[in-house]
C-alpha atoms as a PDB file:
ATOM      1  CA  MET A   1       8.065  -7.677 -20.612  1.00  0.00           C
ATOM      2  CA  ARG A   2       6.780  -4.152 -20.699  1.00  0.00           C
ATOM      3  CA  GLY A   3       9.453  -1.483 -21.175  1.00  0.00           C
ATOM      4  CA  TRP A   4       9.988   0.230 -17.830  1.00  0.00           C
ATOM      5  CA  ARG A   5      10.217   3.994 -17.854  1.00  0.00           C
ATOM      6  CA  ILE A   6      12.983   4.522 -15.329  1.00  0.00           C
ATOM      7  CA  GLY A   7      16.601   5.484 -15.548  1.00  0.00           C
ATOM      8  CA  PRO A   8      19.570   3.551 -14.203  1.00  0.00           C
ATOM      9  CA  GLN A   9      19.786   5.916 -11.204  1.00  0.00           C
ATOM     10  CA  LEU A  10      16.892   4.093  -9.556  1.00  0.00           C
ATOM     11  CA  VAL A  11      18.702   0.787  -9.825  1.00  0.00           C
ATOM     12  CA  GLU A  12      22.011   2.266  -8.791  1.00  0.00           C
ATOM     13  CA  GLU A  13      20.323   3.864  -5.801  1.00  0.00           C
ATOM     14  CA  PHE A  14      18.961   0.418  -4.918  1.00  0.00           C
ATOM     15  CA  GLY A  15      22.534  -0.587  -4.327  1.00  0.00           C
ATOM     16  CA  ASP A  16      24.192  -3.943  -4.058  1.00  0.00           C
ATOM     17  CA  ALA A  17      22.574  -5.813  -6.910  1.00  0.00           C
ATOM     18  CA  GLY A  18      23.816  -3.655  -9.729  1.00  0.00           C
ATOM     19  CA  PRO A  19      21.794  -2.824 -12.835  1.00  0.00           C
ATOM     20  CA  ALA A  20      22.582  -5.988 -14.836  1.00  0.00           C
ATOM     21  CA  SER A  21      21.680  -8.379 -12.027  1.00  0.00           C
ATOM     22  CA  PHE A  22      18.594  -6.354 -11.214  1.00  0.00           C
ATOM     23  CA  TRP A  23      17.131  -6.626 -14.699  1.00  0.00           C
ATOM     24  CA  ASP A  24      18.111 -10.268 -15.057  1.00  0.00           C
ATOM     25  CA  ASP A  25      16.364 -11.184 -11.800  1.00  0.00           C
ATOM     26  CA  LEU A  26      13.245  -9.216 -12.851  1.00  0.00           C
ATOM     27  CA  SER A  27      13.208 -11.032 -16.188  1.00  0.00           C
ATOM     28  CA  ARG A  28      13.419 -14.342 -14.364  1.00  0.00           C
ATOM     29  CA  LEU A  29      10.580 -13.385 -12.057  1.00  0.00           C
ATOM     30  CA  HIS A  30       8.503 -12.179 -15.048  1.00  0.00           C
ATOM     31  CA  ALA A  31       8.980 -15.641 -16.606  1.00  0.00           C
ATOM     32  CA  GLY A  32       7.697 -17.285 -13.385  1.00  0.00           C
ATOM     33  CA  ASP A  33      11.112 -18.249 -12.008  1.00  0.00           C
ATOM     34  CA  PRO A  34      11.218 -17.625  -8.246  1.00  0.00           C
ATOM     35  CA  ALA A  35      15.014 -17.080  -8.459  1.00  0.00           C
ATOM     36  CA  GLY A  36      14.342 -13.376  -8.887  1.00  0.00           C
ATOM     37  CA  LEU A  37      12.069 -13.182  -5.862  1.00  0.00           C
ATOM     38  CA  GLU A  38      14.627 -12.165  -3.260  1.00  0.00           C
ATOM     39  CA  LEU A  39      15.769  -9.112  -5.155  1.00  0.00           C
ATOM     40  CA  ALA A  40      12.179  -8.084  -5.870  1.00  0.00           C
ATOM     41  CA  ILE A  41      11.240  -8.318  -2.195  1.00  0.00           C
ATOM     42  CA  ARG A  42      14.304  -6.315  -1.183  1.00  0.00           C
ATOM     43  CA  PHE A  43      13.384  -3.652  -3.757  1.00  0.00           C
ATOM     44  CA  LEU A  44       9.874  -3.390  -2.305  1.00  0.00           C
ATOM     45  CA  GLU A  45      11.211  -3.289   1.229  1.00  0.00           C
ATOM     46  CA  ARG A  46      13.636  -0.445   0.352  1.00  0.00           C
ATOM     47  CA  ASP A  47      10.902   1.364  -1.579  1.00  0.00           C
ATOM     48  CA  PRO A  48      13.053   3.699  -3.708  1.00  0.00           C
ATOM     49  CA  TRP A  49      10.899   6.576  -4.848  1.00  0.00           C
ATOM     50  CA  ARG A  50      11.806   8.271  -8.114  1.00  0.00           C
ATOM     51  CA  GLN A  51      10.011   9.066 -11.340  1.00  0.00           C
ATOM     52  CA  GLY A  52       8.786   5.776 -12.818  1.00  0.00           C
ATOM     53  CA  SER A  53       9.435   3.663  -9.758  1.00  0.00           C
ATOM     54  CA  GLY A  54       5.730   3.065  -9.230  1.00  0.00           C
ATOM     55  CA  TYR A  55       5.557   1.325 -12.611  1.00  0.00           C
ATOM     56  CA  VAL A  56       8.389  -1.018 -11.611  1.00  0.00           C
ATOM     57  CA  LYS A  57       6.786  -1.773  -8.248  1.00  0.00           C
ATOM     58  CA  ALA A  58       3.402  -2.461  -9.801  1.00  0.00           C
ATOM     59  CA  ASP A  59       4.976  -4.876 -12.267  1.00  0.00           C
ATOM     60  CA  LEU A  60       7.064  -6.537  -9.545  1.00  0.00           C
ATOM     61  CA  ILE A  61       4.003  -7.135  -7.468  1.00  0.00           C
ATOM     62  CA  ARG A  62       2.193  -8.626 -10.458  1.00  0.00           C
ATOM     63  CA  TYR A  63       5.089 -11.035 -11.009  1.00  0.00           C
ATOM     64  CA  ILE A  64       5.342 -11.889  -7.289  1.00  0.00           C
ATOM     65  CA  ASN A  65       1.631 -12.771  -7.248  1.00  0.00           C
ATOM     66  CA  ARG A  66       2.374 -15.450  -9.897  1.00  0.00           C
ATOM     67  CA  VAL A  67       4.937 -17.416  -7.872  1.00  0.00           C
ATOM     68  CA  ALA A  68       4.728 -19.568  -4.774  1.00  0.00           C
ATOM     69  CA  LEU A  69       6.039 -17.879  -1.602  1.00  0.00           C
ATOM     70  CA  GLY A  70       7.714 -19.406   1.376  1.00  0.00           C
ATOM     71  CA  PRO A  71       6.540 -18.424   4.880  1.00  0.00           C
ATOM     72  CA  GLY A  72       9.444 -16.030   5.431  1.00  0.00           C
ATOM     73  CA  GLU A  73       8.853 -14.281   2.139  1.00  0.00           C
ATOM     74  CA  ALA A  74       5.133 -13.922   2.908  1.00  0.00           C
ATOM     75  CA  THR A  75       5.967 -12.438   6.313  1.00  0.00           C
ATOM     76  CA  ARG A  76       8.309  -9.898   4.764  1.00  0.00           C
ATOM     77  CA  LEU A  77       5.706  -8.940   2.125  1.00  0.00           C
ATOM     78  CA  ARG A  78       3.049  -8.456   4.810  1.00  0.00           C
ATOM     79  CA  ARG A  79       5.377  -5.921   6.436  1.00  0.00           C
ATOM     80  CA  VAL A  80       5.752  -4.222   3.037  1.00  0.00           C
ATOM     81  CA  VAL A  81       2.016  -3.954   2.658  1.00  0.00           C
ATOM     82  CA  LEU A  82       1.638  -2.397   6.132  1.00  0.00           C
ATOM     83  CA  ALA A  83       4.471   0.004   5.425  1.00  0.00           C
ATOM     84  CA  VAL A  84       2.800   1.172   2.237  1.00  0.00           C
ATOM     85  CA  VAL A  85      -0.451   1.859   4.092  1.00  0.00           C
ATOM     86  CA  ASP A  86       1.601   4.185   6.332  1.00  0.00           C
ATOM     87  CA  ARG A  87       2.983   6.159   3.378  1.00  0.00           C
ATOM     88  CA  PRO A  88       1.267   8.800   1.180  1.00  0.00           C
ATOM     89  CA  ASP A  89      -0.949   7.758  -1.688  1.00  0.00           C
ATOM     90  CA  ARG A  90       0.827   6.347  -4.708  1.00  0.00           C
ATOM     91  CA  ARG A  91      -0.406   5.034  -8.031  1.00  0.00           C
ATOM     92  CA  GLU A  92       0.642   1.438  -7.345  1.00  0.00           C
ATOM     93  CA  PHE A  93      -1.384   1.099  -4.110  1.00  0.00           C
ATOM     94  CA  ARG A  94      -3.944  -1.205  -5.726  1.00  0.00           C
ATOM     95  CA  ARG A  95      -1.224  -3.627  -6.616  1.00  0.00           C
ATOM     96  CA  TYR A  96      -0.073  -3.611  -2.988  1.00  0.00           C
ATOM     97  CA  VAL A  97      -3.617  -4.444  -1.962  1.00  0.00           C
ATOM     98  CA  ARG A  98      -3.554  -7.422  -4.345  1.00  0.00           C
ATOM     99  CA  LEU A  99      -0.236  -8.449  -2.791  1.00  0.00           C
ATOM    100  CA  GLY A 100      -1.948  -8.267   0.600  1.00  0.00           C
ATOM    101  CA  ILE A 101      -4.593 -10.663  -0.674  1.00  0.00           C
ATOM    102  CA  LYS A 102      -1.856 -13.115  -1.683  1.00  0.00           C
ATOM    103  CA  VAL A 103      -0.087 -12.956   1.709  1.00  0.00           C
ATOM    104  CA  ASP A 104      -3.264 -12.571   3.850  1.00  0.00           C
ATOM    105  CA  ALA A 105      -2.846 -13.713   7.438  1.00  0.00           C
ATOM    106  CA  PRO A 106      -4.254 -12.697  10.866  1.00  0.00           C
ATOM    107  CA  GLU A 107      -1.215 -10.489  11.599  1.00  0.00           C
ATOM    108  CA  LEU A 108      -1.789  -8.505   8.423  1.00  0.00           C
ATOM    109  CA  ARG A 109      -5.462  -7.977   9.218  1.00  0.00           C
ATOM    110  CA  GLU A 110      -4.558  -6.992  12.823  1.00  0.00           C
ATOM    111  CA  GLY A 111      -2.000  -4.448  11.607  1.00  0.00           C
ATOM    112  CA  LEU A 112      -4.517  -2.931   9.196  1.00  0.00           C
ATOM    113  CA  ALA A 113      -7.252  -2.880  11.853  1.00  0.00           C
ATOM    114  CA  GLN A 114      -4.853  -0.989  14.221  1.00  0.00           C
ATOM    115  CA  ARG A 115      -4.311   1.596  11.475  1.00  0.00           C
ATOM    116  CA  LEU A 116      -8.079   2.273  11.291  1.00  0.00           C
ATOM    117  CA  SER A 117      -7.626   4.352  14.490  1.00  0.00           C
ATOM    118  CA  SER A 118      -4.675   6.375  13.185  1.00  0.00           C
ATOM    119  CA  PRO A 119      -4.887  10.169  13.548  1.00  0.00           C
ATOM    120  CA  ASP A 120      -3.864  10.374   9.874  1.00  0.00           C
ATOM    121  CA  PRO A 121      -6.956  10.199   7.613  1.00  0.00           C
ATOM    122  CA  GLY A 122      -4.899   8.905   4.683  1.00  0.00           C
ATOM    123  CA  ILE A 123      -3.647   5.934   6.725  1.00  0.00           C
ATOM    124  CA  ARG A 124      -7.188   5.184   7.923  1.00  0.00           C
ATOM    125  CA  ARG A 125      -8.478   5.288   4.330  1.00  0.00           C
ATOM    126  CA  ARG A 126      -5.790   3.041   2.863  1.00  0.00           C
ATOM    127  CA  ALA A 127      -6.148   0.562   5.793  1.00  0.00           C
ATOM    128  CA  GLY A 128      -9.850   0.515   5.213  1.00  0.00           C
ATOM    129  CA  TRP A 129      -9.443  -0.126   1.487  1.00  0.00           C
ATOM    130  CA  ALA A 130      -6.980  -2.970   2.124  1.00  0.00           C
ATOM    131  CA  LEU A 131      -9.206  -4.581   4.802  1.00  0.00           C
ATOM    132  CA  SER A 132     -12.245  -4.293   2.594  1.00  0.00           C
ATOM    133  CA  ALA A 133     -10.422  -6.077  -0.254  1.00  0.00           C
ATOM    134  CA  LEU A 134      -9.273  -8.867   2.131  1.00  0.00           C
ATOM    135  CA  GLU A 135     -12.843  -9.270   3.472  1.00  0.00           C
ATOM    136  CA  ASP A 136     -14.250  -9.329  -0.098  1.00  0.00           C
ATOM    137  CA  THR A 137     -11.911 -12.141  -1.080  1.00  0.00           C
ATOM    138  CA  THR A 138     -12.781 -14.115   2.034  1.00  0.00           C
ATOM    139  CA  THR A 139     -16.489 -13.729   1.333  1.00  0.00           C
ATOM    140  CA  THR A 140     -16.018 -14.690  -2.278  1.00  0.00           C
ATOM    141  CA  ARG A 141     -13.986 -17.788  -1.424  1.00  0.00           C
ATOM    142  CA  SER A 142     -16.572 -18.967   1.097  1.00  0.00           C
ATOM    143  CA  LYS A 143     -19.463 -18.733  -1.339  1.00  0.00           C
ATOM    144  CA  PRO A 144     -20.308 -21.861  -3.348  1.00  0.00           C
ATOM    145  CA  ALA A 145     -19.355 -21.668  -6.990  1.00  0.00           C
ATOM    146  CA  THR A 146     -22.161 -20.971  -9.384  1.00  0.00           C
ATOM    147  CA  TYR A 147     -21.943 -21.847 -13.000  1.00  0.00           C
ATOM    148  CA  ARG A 148     -23.801 -20.348 -15.902  1.00  0.00           C
ATOM    149  CA  THR A 149     -25.736 -22.889 -17.847  1.00  0.00           C
ATOM    150  CA  LYS A 150     -26.100 -22.552 -21.567  1.00  0.00           C
ATOM    151  CA  LEU A 151     -29.555 -21.630 -22.601  1.00  0.00           C
ATOM    152  CA  PRO A 152     -31.216 -23.749 -25.279  1.00  0.00           C
ATOM    153  CA  LYS A 153     -31.518 -22.108 -28.684  1.00  0.00           C
END
């Protein structure tokens, strides 16, 4: 696991989990064990913002994208993606878009489409980026697979 560049104040600010449990759950999730999923989702829902927190969130999302999600977890993560679209630009936004691809559903697309008419140009831009990524994956999935054939020597 990559060494995270944050201090314990971020984890302490997060609250009830405590630093030891937090890092243990993240290690589990990194290993593909969904036992750490609940804490990771709660961390993304709370969205603590301190120096280095974007690195942690980007890694969390990468780990979440590797495990199977239940319907309730996917619903919560769709709300997280929409909330991030409503916030200022952050370095980990691309990871949130990838999370949106994993939890794609009509309600996520509807929420993003509604944000296209926001008076805030940043919200419109981020919603457009996320919708574009969702549409790109839909188009890619619906195309037949093509395989490269080996050319004779």
